[in-house]
N, C-alpha and C. Protein backbone atom coordinates (compact mmCIF):
# COMPACT_ATOMS: atom_id res chain seq x y z
N UNK A 1 182.12 124.68 94.48
CA UNK A 1 182.60 125.21 95.74
C UNK A 1 181.92 124.47 96.87
N UNK A 2 182.68 124.05 97.87
CA UNK A 2 182.10 123.33 99.01
C UNK A 2 181.13 124.23 99.78
N UNK A 3 180.14 123.61 100.41
CA UNK A 3 179.09 124.35 101.12
C UNK A 3 179.65 125.17 102.27
N UNK A 4 180.67 124.65 102.98
CA UNK A 4 181.19 125.39 104.14
C UNK A 4 181.89 126.67 103.69
N UNK A 5 182.50 126.70 102.51
CA UNK A 5 183.14 127.91 102.02
C UNK A 5 182.08 128.94 101.61
N UNK A 6 180.97 128.45 101.04
CA UNK A 6 179.89 129.36 100.65
C UNK A 6 179.29 130.04 101.89
N UNK A 7 179.14 129.25 102.98
CA UNK A 7 178.63 129.82 104.23
C UNK A 7 179.61 130.83 104.81
N UNK A 8 180.90 130.56 104.69
CA UNK A 8 181.92 131.47 105.19
C UNK A 8 181.88 132.79 104.42
N UNK A 9 181.70 132.71 103.10
CA UNK A 9 181.66 133.91 102.29
C UNK A 9 180.44 134.75 102.68
N UNK A 10 179.29 134.11 102.91
CA UNK A 10 178.08 134.82 103.32
C UNK A 10 178.26 135.49 104.67
N UNK A 11 178.92 134.79 105.61
CA UNK A 11 179.15 135.37 106.93
C UNK A 11 180.12 136.54 106.84
N UNK A 12 181.16 136.39 106.03
CA UNK A 12 182.13 137.47 105.86
C UNK A 12 181.47 138.69 105.24
N UNK A 13 180.63 138.46 104.26
CA UNK A 13 179.92 139.57 103.62
C UNK A 13 179.03 140.29 104.63
N UNK A 14 178.36 139.56 105.48
CA UNK A 14 177.50 140.17 106.51
C UNK A 14 178.31 141.00 107.48
N UNK A 15 179.48 140.50 107.88
CA UNK A 15 180.33 141.23 108.82
C UNK A 15 180.83 142.52 108.17
N UNK A 16 181.27 142.42 106.92
CA UNK A 16 181.77 143.60 106.21
C UNK A 16 180.67 144.64 106.06
N UNK A 17 179.47 144.22 105.67
CA UNK A 17 178.36 145.16 105.52
C UNK A 17 178.00 145.82 106.84
N UNK A 18 177.99 145.04 107.91
CA UNK A 18 177.69 145.58 109.23
C UNK A 18 178.72 146.63 109.63
N UNK A 19 180.00 146.34 109.37
CA UNK A 19 181.06 147.29 109.70
C UNK A 19 180.92 148.57 108.89
N UNK A 20 180.61 148.43 107.60
CA UNK A 20 180.45 149.61 106.75
C UNK A 20 179.27 150.47 107.20
N UNK A 21 178.18 149.82 107.55
CA UNK A 21 177.02 150.58 108.04
C UNK A 21 177.34 151.29 109.35
N UNK A 22 178.05 150.60 110.22
CA UNK A 22 178.45 151.22 111.49
C UNK A 22 179.38 152.40 111.27
N UNK A 23 180.31 152.26 110.33
CA UNK A 23 181.23 153.34 110.01
C UNK A 23 180.49 154.54 109.44
N UNK A 24 179.54 154.27 108.53
CA UNK A 24 178.76 155.36 107.94
C UNK A 24 177.94 156.09 109.01
N UNK A 25 177.37 155.34 109.91
CA UNK A 25 176.58 155.96 110.99
C UNK A 25 177.49 156.78 111.89
N UNK A 26 178.65 156.27 112.20
CA UNK A 26 179.59 156.99 113.04
C UNK A 26 180.06 158.28 112.38
N UNK A 27 180.29 158.24 111.07
CA UNK A 27 180.71 159.43 110.36
C UNK A 27 179.60 160.48 110.35
N UNK A 28 178.37 160.03 110.23
CA UNK A 28 177.25 160.97 110.23
C UNK A 28 177.12 161.65 111.58
N UNK A 29 177.36 160.90 112.65
CA UNK A 29 177.27 161.49 113.99
C UNK A 29 178.45 162.41 114.28
N UNK A 30 179.57 162.17 113.62
CA UNK A 30 180.77 162.96 113.88
C UNK A 30 180.77 164.30 113.16
N UNK A 31 179.79 164.54 112.29
CA UNK A 31 179.73 165.81 111.57
C UNK A 31 179.51 166.93 112.57
N UNK A 32 180.14 168.09 112.35
CA UNK A 32 179.95 169.20 113.28
C UNK A 32 178.51 169.69 113.26
N UNK A 33 178.07 170.17 114.40
CA UNK A 33 176.70 170.65 114.51
C UNK A 33 176.52 171.89 113.65
N UNK A 34 175.32 172.08 113.16
CA UNK A 34 175.02 173.25 112.35
C UNK A 34 175.06 174.49 113.25
N UNK A 35 175.54 175.61 112.74
CA UNK A 35 175.55 176.82 113.55
C UNK A 35 174.12 177.25 113.88
N UNK A 36 174.00 177.99 114.95
CA UNK A 36 172.67 178.46 115.38
C UNK A 36 172.10 179.42 114.34
N UNK A 37 170.79 179.48 114.29
CA UNK A 37 170.12 180.40 113.39
C UNK A 37 170.44 181.83 113.83
N UNK A 38 170.52 182.77 112.89
CA UNK A 38 170.73 184.16 113.29
C UNK A 38 169.64 184.61 114.25
N UNK A 39 170.02 185.26 115.30
CA UNK A 39 169.06 185.73 116.29
C UNK A 39 168.75 184.70 117.37
N UNK A 40 169.30 183.49 117.26
CA UNK A 40 169.07 182.43 118.24
C UNK A 40 170.41 182.05 118.84
N UNK A 41 170.85 182.72 119.87
CA UNK A 41 172.15 182.38 120.45
C UNK A 41 172.13 180.98 121.05
N UNK A 42 173.12 180.18 120.68
CA UNK A 42 173.14 178.80 121.15
C UNK A 42 173.78 178.66 122.51
N UNK A 43 174.59 179.64 122.91
CA UNK A 43 175.31 179.53 124.18
C UNK A 43 174.44 179.93 125.37
N UNK A 44 173.39 180.66 125.15
CA UNK A 44 172.57 181.14 126.26
C UNK A 44 171.34 180.26 126.42
N UNK A 45 171.05 179.86 127.65
CA UNK A 45 169.83 179.08 127.88
C UNK A 45 168.61 179.99 127.73
N UNK A 46 167.47 179.42 127.40
CA UNK A 46 166.26 180.24 127.29
C UNK A 46 165.96 180.89 128.63
N UNK A 47 165.48 182.11 128.59
CA UNK A 47 165.22 182.84 129.84
C UNK A 47 163.91 182.44 130.48
N UNK A 48 163.08 181.69 129.78
CA UNK A 48 161.78 181.35 130.31
C UNK A 48 161.53 179.85 130.10
N UNK A 49 161.18 179.19 131.15
CA UNK A 49 160.84 177.77 131.04
C UNK A 49 159.38 177.59 131.37
N UNK A 50 158.85 176.44 131.05
CA UNK A 50 157.42 176.23 131.24
C UNK A 50 157.01 176.09 132.70
N UNK A 51 157.97 175.98 133.61
CA UNK A 51 157.58 175.89 135.02
C UNK A 51 158.12 177.07 135.82
N UNK A 52 158.42 178.18 135.15
CA UNK A 52 158.92 179.35 135.85
C UNK A 52 157.76 180.26 136.26
N UNK A 53 158.01 181.09 137.25
CA UNK A 53 157.01 182.06 137.70
C UNK A 53 156.74 183.05 136.58
N UNK A 54 157.78 183.41 135.83
CA UNK A 54 157.62 184.35 134.72
C UNK A 54 156.65 183.80 133.67
N UNK A 55 156.82 182.53 133.30
CA UNK A 55 155.91 181.92 132.33
C UNK A 55 154.51 181.84 132.91
N UNK A 56 154.41 181.52 134.17
CA UNK A 56 153.11 181.42 134.84
C UNK A 56 152.37 182.76 134.74
N UNK A 57 153.09 183.85 135.00
CA UNK A 57 152.46 185.17 134.90
C UNK A 57 152.05 185.49 133.47
N UNK A 58 152.91 185.14 132.52
CA UNK A 58 152.59 185.38 131.12
C UNK A 58 151.34 184.61 130.72
N UNK A 59 151.26 183.36 131.12
CA UNK A 59 150.09 182.54 130.81
C UNK A 59 148.84 183.11 131.48
N UNK A 60 149.00 183.62 132.69
CA UNK A 60 147.88 184.25 133.38
C UNK A 60 147.33 185.43 132.59
N UNK A 61 148.24 186.22 132.01
CA UNK A 61 147.82 187.34 131.17
C UNK A 61 147.10 186.87 129.92
N UNK A 62 147.58 185.80 129.33
CA UNK A 62 146.94 185.26 128.13
C UNK A 62 145.55 184.74 128.44
N UNK A 63 145.41 184.08 129.57
CA UNK A 63 144.09 183.56 129.97
C UNK A 63 143.14 184.73 130.23
N UNK A 64 143.66 185.77 130.84
CA UNK A 64 142.82 186.94 131.12
C UNK A 64 142.34 187.58 129.81
N UNK A 65 143.22 187.67 128.82
CA UNK A 65 142.81 188.21 127.52
C UNK A 65 141.76 187.31 126.86
N UNK A 66 141.96 186.02 126.97
CA UNK A 66 140.99 185.08 126.40
C UNK A 66 139.64 185.21 127.09
N UNK A 67 139.65 185.45 128.40
CA UNK A 67 138.39 185.62 129.14
C UNK A 67 137.63 186.84 128.63
N UNK A 68 138.34 187.87 128.24
CA UNK A 68 137.68 189.09 127.75
C UNK A 68 136.95 188.83 126.44
N UNK A 69 137.43 187.87 125.67
CA UNK A 69 136.74 187.54 124.42
C UNK A 69 135.59 186.56 124.64
N UNK A 70 135.50 186.02 125.86
CA UNK A 70 134.41 185.09 126.22
C UNK A 70 133.74 185.57 127.51
N UNK A 71 132.99 186.67 127.44
CA UNK A 71 132.37 187.19 128.67
C UNK A 71 131.32 186.26 129.27
N UNK A 72 130.83 185.31 128.47
CA UNK A 72 129.81 184.40 128.95
C UNK A 72 130.41 183.09 129.49
N UNK A 73 131.71 183.08 129.74
CA UNK A 73 132.36 181.87 130.25
C UNK A 73 131.81 181.52 131.64
N UNK A 74 131.72 180.24 131.96
CA UNK A 74 131.20 179.84 133.27
C UNK A 74 132.06 180.38 134.42
N UNK A 75 131.43 180.50 135.57
CA UNK A 75 132.12 181.05 136.75
C UNK A 75 133.31 180.18 137.17
N UNK A 76 133.21 178.85 136.99
CA UNK A 76 134.30 178.00 137.43
C UNK A 76 135.57 178.21 136.58
N UNK A 77 135.40 178.69 135.35
CA UNK A 77 136.57 178.99 134.52
C UNK A 77 137.28 180.21 135.08
N UNK A 78 136.52 181.23 135.46
CA UNK A 78 137.12 182.43 136.07
C UNK A 78 137.78 182.05 137.40
N UNK A 79 137.16 181.17 138.16
CA UNK A 79 137.74 180.74 139.43
C UNK A 79 139.07 180.01 139.20
N UNK A 80 139.12 179.15 138.18
CA UNK A 80 140.37 178.45 137.86
C UNK A 80 141.46 179.45 137.48
N UNK A 81 141.10 180.42 136.68
CA UNK A 81 142.04 181.44 136.24
C UNK A 81 142.56 182.25 137.43
N UNK A 82 141.66 182.68 138.29
CA UNK A 82 142.06 183.46 139.48
C UNK A 82 142.95 182.64 140.38
N UNK A 83 142.58 181.38 140.61
CA UNK A 83 143.38 180.51 141.45
C UNK A 83 144.77 180.29 140.85
N UNK A 84 144.82 180.11 139.54
CA UNK A 84 146.10 179.92 138.87
C UNK A 84 147.01 181.11 139.03
N UNK A 85 146.48 182.32 138.82
CA UNK A 85 147.30 183.53 139.00
C UNK A 85 147.74 183.70 140.45
N UNK A 86 146.87 183.37 141.38
CA UNK A 86 147.24 183.46 142.81
C UNK A 86 148.38 182.50 143.12
N UNK A 87 148.30 181.29 142.62
CA UNK A 87 149.36 180.31 142.86
C UNK A 87 150.69 180.78 142.25
N UNK A 88 150.62 181.42 141.09
CA UNK A 88 151.84 181.97 140.48
C UNK A 88 152.48 183.00 141.41
N UNK A 89 151.64 183.89 141.94
CA UNK A 89 152.15 184.94 142.82
C UNK A 89 152.66 184.39 144.14
N UNK A 90 152.16 183.23 144.55
CA UNK A 90 152.63 182.59 145.78
C UNK A 90 153.90 181.78 145.55
N UNK A 91 154.42 181.79 144.32
CA UNK A 91 155.63 181.04 144.02
C UNK A 91 155.40 179.56 143.76
N UNK A 92 154.21 179.21 143.34
CA UNK A 92 153.86 177.82 143.02
C UNK A 92 153.49 177.73 141.54
N UNK A 93 154.49 177.92 140.67
CA UNK A 93 154.17 178.02 139.25
C UNK A 93 153.60 176.76 138.62
N UNK A 94 154.05 175.61 139.04
CA UNK A 94 153.54 174.38 138.41
C UNK A 94 152.04 174.22 138.65
N UNK A 95 151.63 174.45 139.88
CA UNK A 95 150.20 174.35 140.19
C UNK A 95 149.42 175.45 139.49
N UNK A 96 150.00 176.65 139.48
CA UNK A 96 149.34 177.77 138.81
C UNK A 96 149.19 177.52 137.32
N UNK A 97 150.25 177.04 136.68
CA UNK A 97 150.22 176.77 135.25
C UNK A 97 149.18 175.70 134.93
N UNK A 98 149.09 174.69 135.77
CA UNK A 98 148.12 173.62 135.54
C UNK A 98 146.70 174.19 135.52
N UNK A 99 146.38 175.05 136.47
CA UNK A 99 145.03 175.61 136.53
C UNK A 99 144.79 176.59 135.38
N UNK A 100 145.83 177.37 135.04
CA UNK A 100 145.68 178.31 133.94
C UNK A 100 145.50 177.58 132.60
N UNK A 101 146.22 176.52 132.41
CA UNK A 101 146.06 175.74 131.17
C UNK A 101 144.67 175.12 131.09
N UNK A 102 144.20 174.66 132.23
CA UNK A 102 142.86 174.07 132.28
C UNK A 102 141.82 175.14 131.93
N UNK A 103 141.98 176.33 132.52
CA UNK A 103 141.05 177.43 132.23
C UNK A 103 141.11 177.79 130.75
N UNK A 104 142.32 177.85 130.18
CA UNK A 104 142.46 178.19 128.76
C UNK A 104 141.79 177.14 127.89
N UNK A 105 141.97 175.88 128.24
CA UNK A 105 141.35 174.80 127.48
C UNK A 105 139.83 174.94 127.50
N UNK A 106 139.28 175.25 128.67
CA UNK A 106 137.84 175.39 128.77
C UNK A 106 137.33 176.61 128.02
N UNK A 107 138.13 177.68 127.99
CA UNK A 107 137.73 178.87 127.25
C UNK A 107 137.76 178.62 125.74
N UNK A 108 138.76 177.92 125.28
CA UNK A 108 138.90 177.68 123.84
C UNK A 108 138.03 176.53 123.33
N UNK A 109 137.65 175.63 124.22
CA UNK A 109 136.83 174.47 123.83
C UNK A 109 135.66 174.33 124.79
N UNK A 110 134.70 175.20 124.71
CA UNK A 110 133.56 175.10 125.65
C UNK A 110 132.79 173.81 125.44
N UNK A 111 132.20 173.31 126.52
CA UNK A 111 131.45 172.04 126.42
C UNK A 111 130.22 172.14 125.56
């Protein structure tokens, strides 16, 4: 067999394989999505996001509970926690969450 025909067969094989792989990938993506888990409605968005005032308040409560288990925590940790809760109440959840997370980190991982 001439060399140019052998190269053509190799190129044709590569094109066919590429098309088959693309088709298989497309078919996998076209499969219908799995239904939602029972108790997890897929049509409703979550009611709480990580930058909401509601989450900020919840995190403030968690930090306060953690502080009760660490009565010997440094004063600056309590100050961070207080400042975080105040920022949440002022409608600044991102700043509040940042301080509350920092306070939680310090409570759970003391220096």
